[in-house]
Amino acid sequence: MVLCRELFIVKIKILLPILFVLLLLLLPALVTATVTVSIIQSGADPGSVIAGKAFTVTASGWSGTCNSAYLDLSGCSVCNISESQTKTISGSSISWTTLTASKATSQSIAVSISGTCTPDSGSSSFDVKTSPSLSASVSPTSTSVTQGSTFDMSLNIQNSGETTAQFGSITVSPSDFSISSGCSPSSILGGQNAGISCTILASSSATTGSRTLTLTITPSNADAITKTVTVTVNAPSATTTTQPEGGAGGTTTTTIATTTTIATTTTTLPTTTTTTIPIVIIPVTTGWMILIFIIIVIVIILVLTYKSTIFRRRL
């Protein structure tokens, strides 16, 4: 009994490594490999295509000798193709480039491969979304600016489509206007909106008067839209200050704009009141001079008489 048990253990020890090696050898055959099917469309969101716009299906990832590939559209009820669904394989991949689809969700496309190659099939699922659809509002709708100066404006851009709007640029025209700063939109998800600030420069040689500024909003995966703003361009003004003759009456400032308007503004200086104290001056005549002389003589005689009297009394 003991001998039989020992023989059984020995057999198990020998068989287990053999079974493990066989399992490793058979494992690749037990795993089901698939052909890689890629759905490619410029401007589309990951895992989707834009309705009505051509997209490409590419199959790859097999090994061995493959003869042909078949594009199976049974899982995509909204798909159309304008080329043969069966193609001869001459390399490591095969593509179909003329597919379009209508709006739908949860669609799939499969590819099957014939010949002595593995794997021999694969598929990919996706949604079909509407393209970006943009609208915009601008504020203010009218403004004024001096030649060589800037003004600010705001844009609100709405994407009512399902696919993300991927922006390329915002431009302004005519050529005597340019973007000084801002006006740099980012991607706008479907059903979302974004606010954008712009600073616009009117060149120093911009034509004066009422002008129409056009903003062109161009996403890379949708149609461009435009908005307009009325801009009144003014020339810089020159100011000259002159002093009136005589130095009184105030300062006159004349502003002359190089457009055709001449405006004159007079600034009146505050009036200073001076209080004058009158001085009475009596005219000096000959009669007055004689009278003053007689009074002086009388005063001298009185003084001498008074002194003479005092002197006698002392004697």
Protein backbone atom coordinates (compact mmCIF):
# COMPACT_ATOMS: atom_id res chain seq x y z
CA MET A 1 0.00 0.00 0.00
CA VAL A 2 2.76 2.38 0.91
CA LEU A 3 4.57 1.54 -2.32
CA CYS A 4 1.47 2.30 -4.45
CA ARG A 5 1.03 5.65 -2.74
CA GLU A 6 4.62 6.59 -3.39
CA LEU A 7 4.30 5.59 -7.07
CA PHE A 8 1.15 7.76 -7.38
CA ILE A 9 2.95 10.77 -5.92
CA VAL A 10 5.84 10.28 -8.30
CA LYS A 11 3.47 10.16 -11.29
CA ILE A 12 1.74 13.35 -10.15
CA LYS A 13 5.07 15.16 -9.82
CA ILE A 14 5.98 14.09 -13.35
CA LEU A 15 2.60 14.85 -14.96
CA LEU A 16 2.03 18.30 -13.43
CA PRO A 17 5.00 19.99 -15.22
CA ILE A 18 3.97 18.34 -18.48
CA LEU A 19 0.38 19.61 -18.14
CA PHE A 20 1.63 23.12 -17.32
CA VAL A 21 3.84 23.22 -20.45
CA LEU A 22 0.93 21.99 -22.63
CA LEU A 23 -1.33 24.71 -21.17
CA LEU A 24 1.19 27.41 -22.05
CA LEU A 25 1.44 26.09 -25.59
CA LEU A 26 -2.34 25.96 -26.06
CA LEU A 27 -3.13 29.31 -24.37
CA PRO A 28 -2.76 31.50 -27.53
CA ALA A 29 -5.20 29.21 -29.33
CA LEU A 30 -7.69 29.49 -26.47
CA VAL A 31 -7.67 33.31 -26.60
CA THR A 32 -9.94 34.71 -29.36
CA ALA A 33 -8.14 37.53 -31.24
CA THR A 34 -10.02 40.12 -33.32
CA VAL A 35 -9.21 42.35 -36.27
CA THR A 36 -8.73 46.00 -35.26
CA VAL A 37 -11.49 48.13 -36.81
CA SER A 38 -10.95 51.92 -36.59
CA ILE A 39 -13.55 54.56 -37.48
CA ILE A 40 -11.88 57.85 -38.43
CA GLN A 41 -13.40 61.26 -39.13
CA SER A 42 -11.72 64.66 -38.79
CA GLY A 43 -13.49 66.97 -36.36
CA ALA A 44 -15.66 64.30 -34.75
CA ASP A 45 -15.78 63.56 -31.03
CA PRO A 46 -14.14 60.31 -29.84
CA GLY A 47 -16.43 57.31 -30.39
CA SER A 48 -18.67 59.16 -32.85
CA VAL A 49 -18.97 60.53 -36.37
CA ILE A 50 -20.71 63.65 -37.69
CA ALA A 51 -23.95 62.99 -39.55
CA GLY A 52 -23.81 63.56 -43.31
CA LYS A 53 -20.03 63.85 -43.41
CA ALA A 54 -17.82 61.16 -44.99
CA PHE A 55 -15.79 58.97 -42.65
CA THR A 56 -13.23 56.19 -43.05
CA VAL A 57 -13.21 52.60 -41.73
CA THR A 58 -9.79 50.90 -41.53
CA ALA A 59 -9.15 47.24 -40.65
CA SER A 60 -5.76 45.86 -39.55
CA GLY A 61 -4.03 43.57 -37.09
CA TRP A 62 -4.02 40.15 -38.77
CA SER A 63 -1.19 37.76 -39.59
CA GLY A 64 -0.81 35.10 -42.24
CA THR A 65 -1.97 35.11 -45.84
CA CYS A 66 -5.18 37.14 -46.20
CA ASN A 67 -7.05 37.36 -49.52
CA SER A 68 -9.96 39.77 -49.10
CA ALA A 69 -11.96 41.76 -46.57
CA TYR A 70 -15.70 42.36 -46.35
CA LEU A 71 -17.28 45.42 -44.71
CA ASP A 72 -20.42 44.32 -42.90
CA LEU A 73 -22.93 47.20 -42.43
CA SER A 74 -25.75 45.10 -40.98
CA GLY A 75 -25.18 46.71 -37.59
CA CYS A 76 -25.40 50.26 -39.01
CA SER A 77 -28.90 50.88 -40.34
CA VAL A 78 -28.14 54.56 -41.09
CA CYS A 79 -24.90 53.96 -43.03
CA ASN A 80 -24.35 54.42 -46.75
CA ILE A 81 -21.33 53.60 -48.89
CA SER A 82 -20.43 54.48 -52.49
CA GLU A 83 -17.72 51.84 -53.05
CA SER A 84 -17.53 48.06 -52.97
CA GLN A 85 -17.88 46.51 -49.52
CA THR A 86 -15.49 43.68 -50.57
CA LYS A 87 -11.86 44.58 -51.20
CA THR A 88 -8.71 42.65 -52.01
CA ILE A 89 -6.05 42.78 -49.31
CA SER A 90 -2.60 43.76 -50.55
CA GLY A 91 -0.93 44.92 -47.33
CA SER A 92 -1.24 45.01 -43.58
CA SER A 93 -4.47 47.08 -43.61
CA ILE A 94 -7.51 47.88 -45.72
CA SER A 95 -9.73 50.98 -45.76
CA TRP A 96 -13.14 52.18 -46.95
CA THR A 97 -13.31 55.99 -47.33
CA THR A 98 -16.77 56.86 -48.68
CA LEU A 99 -19.09 56.04 -45.79
CA THR A 100 -21.71 58.47 -44.49
CA ALA A 101 -24.40 58.10 -41.85
CA SER A 102 -27.55 59.78 -40.58
CA LYS A 103 -28.06 60.80 -36.94
CA ALA A 104 -28.39 57.73 -34.69
CA THR A 105 -26.91 56.08 -31.62
CA SER A 106 -25.33 52.68 -30.90
CA GLN A 107 -24.30 51.76 -34.44
CA SER A 108 -21.62 49.19 -35.31
CA ILE A 109 -19.53 48.17 -38.32
CA ALA A 110 -17.84 44.74 -38.70
CA VAL A 111 -15.04 43.51 -40.98
CA SER A 112 -14.45 39.85 -41.87
CA ILE A 113 -11.24 38.54 -43.45
CA SER A 114 -10.90 35.53 -45.77
CA GLY A 115 -7.78 33.45 -46.36
CA THR A 116 -5.32 31.60 -44.16
CA CYS A 117 -4.79 34.39 -41.63
CA THR A 118 -5.71 35.13 -38.05
CA PRO A 119 -7.63 36.79 -36.60
CA ASP A 120 -10.33 36.87 -39.24
CA SER A 121 -12.97 39.35 -37.94
CA GLY A 122 -13.55 42.43 -35.82
CA SER A 123 -16.03 45.26 -35.21
CA SER A 124 -16.39 48.76 -33.76
CA SER A 125 -19.34 50.65 -32.24
CA PHE A 126 -20.05 54.38 -32.50
CA ASP A 127 -22.71 57.12 -32.36
CA VAL A 128 -23.72 59.48 -35.16
CA LYS A 129 -24.07 63.10 -33.95
CA THR A 130 -25.18 66.32 -35.56
CA SER A 131 -22.42 68.75 -36.55
CA PRO A 132 -21.58 71.88 -34.53
CA SER A 133 -24.08 74.68 -35.19
CA LEU A 134 -22.94 78.12 -34.08
CA SER A 135 -24.70 81.40 -33.35
CA ALA A 136 -23.28 84.48 -31.65
CA SER A 137 -24.17 87.82 -30.10
CA VAL A 138 -21.86 90.82 -29.75
CA SER A 139 -21.78 93.72 -27.30
CA PRO A 140 -21.74 96.62 -27.89
CA THR A 141 -23.30 96.68 -31.35
CA SER A 142 -21.98 100.21 -31.96
CA THR A 143 -19.07 102.20 -30.55
CA SER A 144 -16.55 104.93 -31.36
CA VAL A 145 -12.76 105.03 -31.40
CA THR A 146 -9.93 107.46 -32.20
CA GLN A 147 -7.39 106.60 -34.89
CA GLY A 148 -4.54 104.60 -33.34
CA SER A 149 -6.62 103.62 -30.26
CA THR A 150 -8.41 100.45 -29.10
CA PHE A 151 -11.88 99.53 -27.93
CA ASP A 152 -13.25 96.46 -26.13
CA MET A 153 -16.08 94.15 -27.10
CA SER A 154 -17.60 90.85 -25.92
CA LEU A 155 -18.79 87.82 -27.88
CA ASN A 156 -21.12 85.08 -26.67
CA ILE A 157 -20.95 81.99 -28.90
CA GLN A 158 -23.59 79.24 -28.68
CA ASN A 159 -23.15 75.70 -30.05
CA SER A 160 -26.59 74.16 -30.59
CA GLY A 161 -25.17 71.05 -32.32
CA GLU A 162 -24.17 67.76 -30.63
CA THR A 163 -20.52 67.66 -31.71
CA THR A 164 -17.89 69.79 -29.97
CA ALA A 165 -17.02 72.94 -31.94
CA GLN A 166 -13.25 73.02 -32.42
CA PHE A 167 -12.11 76.57 -33.08
CA GLY A 168 -9.57 77.68 -35.60
CA SER A 169 -9.69 81.48 -35.46
CA ILE A 170 -11.62 84.73 -35.16
CA THR A 171 -10.70 87.44 -37.68
CA VAL A 172 -11.77 91.06 -38.26
CA SER A 173 -12.14 93.17 -41.38
CA PRO A 174 -11.58 95.62 -43.07
CA SER A 175 -7.79 95.70 -42.93
CA ASP A 176 -7.46 98.98 -40.98
CA PHE A 177 -8.81 97.12 -37.93
CA SER A 178 -6.96 94.31 -36.14
CA ILE A 179 -7.19 92.21 -32.98
CA SER A 180 -4.98 93.71 -30.28
CA SER A 181 -5.62 91.02 -27.64
CA GLY A 182 -8.14 88.36 -26.66
CA CYS A 183 -10.52 86.81 -29.21
CA SER A 184 -9.08 83.36 -28.44
CA PRO A 185 -11.95 80.87 -28.23
CA SER A 186 -11.57 77.34 -26.92
CA SER A 187 -13.62 74.30 -27.87
CA ILE A 188 -17.35 74.55 -27.12
CA LEU A 189 -19.19 71.33 -26.26
CA GLY A 190 -22.47 70.51 -27.94
CA GLY A 191 -25.36 72.43 -26.36
CA GLN A 192 -22.98 74.80 -24.53
CA ASN A 193 -21.93 78.43 -24.93
CA ALA A 194 -18.77 80.45 -24.25
CA GLY A 195 -18.05 84.13 -23.58
CA ILE A 196 -15.04 85.72 -25.28
CA SER A 197 -13.47 89.18 -24.77
CA CYS A 198 -11.75 91.04 -27.59
CA THR A 199 -9.70 94.24 -27.80
CA ILE A 200 -9.78 95.76 -31.29
CA LEU A 201 -7.24 98.28 -32.63
CA ALA A 202 -8.09 100.97 -35.20
CA SER A 203 -4.91 101.80 -37.09
CA SER A 204 -3.53 105.33 -37.09
CA SER A 205 -4.47 105.59 -40.77
CA ALA A 206 -7.98 104.13 -40.40
CA THR A 207 -10.59 105.86 -42.54
CA THR A 208 -12.66 108.22 -40.38
CA GLY A 209 -16.44 108.24 -40.18
CA SER A 210 -19.02 105.50 -39.66
CA ARG A 211 -17.50 102.08 -40.44
CA THR A 212 -18.76 98.49 -40.39
CA LEU A 213 -16.47 96.08 -38.53
CA THR A 214 -17.01 92.42 -39.46
CA LEU A 215 -15.97 89.58 -37.15
CA THR A 216 -15.66 86.15 -38.75
CA ILE A 217 -15.86 83.19 -36.36
CA THR A 218 -14.40 80.06 -38.00
CA PRO A 219 -14.41 76.66 -36.28
CA SER A 220 -12.31 73.91 -37.86
CA ASN A 221 -15.21 71.44 -38.02
CA ALA A 222 -18.25 73.60 -38.88
CA ASP A 223 -19.37 76.50 -41.04
CA ALA A 224 -18.12 80.00 -40.22
CA ILE A 225 -20.45 82.73 -38.96
CA THR A 226 -20.08 86.53 -39.00
CA LYS A 227 -21.15 89.40 -36.75
CA THR A 228 -20.96 93.13 -37.48
CA VAL A 229 -20.39 96.20 -35.30
CA THR A 230 -20.85 99.84 -36.29
CA VAL A 231 -17.68 101.78 -35.40
CA THR A 232 -17.34 105.57 -35.67
CA VAL A 233 -13.67 106.39 -36.26
CA ASN A 234 -12.56 109.89 -35.19
CA ALA A 235 -9.32 111.71 -35.92
CA PRO A 236 -7.23 112.95 -32.97
CA SER A 237 -8.03 116.57 -31.98
CA ALA A 238 -5.56 119.48 -31.42
CA THR A 239 -6.04 122.14 -28.65
CA THR A 240 -4.62 125.72 -28.84
CA THR A 241 -4.75 128.17 -25.87
CA THR A 242 -4.45 131.93 -26.56
CA GLN A 243 -4.25 134.94 -24.19
CA PRO A 244 -6.60 137.78 -25.13
CA GLU A 245 -5.10 141.22 -25.81
CA GLY A 246 -4.65 143.40 -22.74
CA GLY A 247 -4.22 140.42 -20.38
CA ALA A 248 -7.75 140.71 -18.95
CA GLY A 249 -11.15 139.22 -19.49
CA GLY A 250 -10.24 135.53 -19.29
CA THR A 251 -8.61 132.81 -21.39
CA THR A 252 -10.01 131.71 -24.75
CA THR A 253 -9.41 128.06 -25.73
CA THR A 254 -10.04 127.02 -29.31
CA THR A 255 -10.26 123.28 -30.11
CA ILE A 256 -9.78 122.45 -33.77
CA ALA A 257 -10.51 118.83 -34.79
CA THR A 258 -9.04 117.63 -38.03
CA THR A 259 -12.49 116.49 -39.07
CA THR A 260 -14.57 119.54 -40.13
CA THR A 261 -15.89 120.80 -36.78
CA ILE A 262 -14.41 123.86 -35.07
CA ALA A 263 -15.65 124.48 -31.53
CA THR A 264 -14.77 127.59 -29.50
CA THR A 265 -14.97 127.55 -25.72
CA THR A 266 -14.52 130.71 -23.64
CA THR A 267 -13.54 130.35 -20.02
CA THR A 268 -14.24 133.41 -17.83
CA LEU A 269 -11.87 133.98 -14.94
CA PRO A 270 -13.40 134.96 -11.57
CA THR A 271 -13.59 138.74 -10.97
CA THR A 272 -11.52 140.19 -8.08
CA THR A 273 -13.13 143.16 -6.23
CA THR A 274 -10.76 145.87 -4.94
CA THR A 275 -11.90 148.24 -2.12
CA THR A 276 -10.56 151.79 -2.55
CA ILE A 277 -10.29 154.24 0.45
CA PRO A 278 -10.85 157.80 -0.79
CA ILE A 279 -8.25 160.50 0.11
CA VAL A 280 -9.39 164.13 0.17
CA ILE A 281 -6.89 166.50 -1.39
CA ILE A 282 -7.55 170.22 -0.86
CA PRO A 283 -6.28 172.39 -3.66
CA VAL A 284 -3.51 174.78 -2.51
CA THR A 285 -4.28 178.38 -3.59
CA THR A 286 -2.68 181.83 -2.79
CA GLY A 287 -5.46 182.80 -0.33
CA TRP A 288 -4.95 179.69 1.66
CA MET A 289 -1.24 180.26 1.80
CA ILE A 290 -1.72 183.85 3.23
CA LEU A 291 -4.17 182.54 5.84
CA ILE A 292 -1.78 179.86 7.00
CA PHE A 293 1.09 182.42 7.19
CA ILE A 294 -1.01 184.84 9.38
CA ILE A 295 -1.98 181.97 11.74
CA ILE A 296 1.69 181.00 12.13
CA VAL A 297 2.69 184.65 12.85
CA ILE A 298 -0.08 184.98 15.49
CA VAL A 299 1.04 181.76 17.17
CA ILE A 300 4.66 183.00 17.27
CA ILE A 301 3.59 186.40 18.77
CA LEU A 302 1.50 184.67 21.44
CA VAL A 303 4.35 182.41 22.40
CA LEU A 304 6.82 185.34 22.63
CA THR A 305 4.38 187.45 24.67
CA TYR A 306 3.80 184.57 27.07
CA LYS A 307 7.53 184.06 27.59
CA SER A 308 8.11 187.83 28.08
CA THR A 309 5.45 188.00 30.79
CA ILE A 310 6.90 185.07 32.67
CA PHE A 311 10.40 186.67 32.48
CA ARG A 312 9.15 190.01 33.99
CA ARG A 313 7.45 188.31 36.88
CA ARG A 314 10.65 186.59 37.82
CA LEU A 315 12.46 189.88 37.92
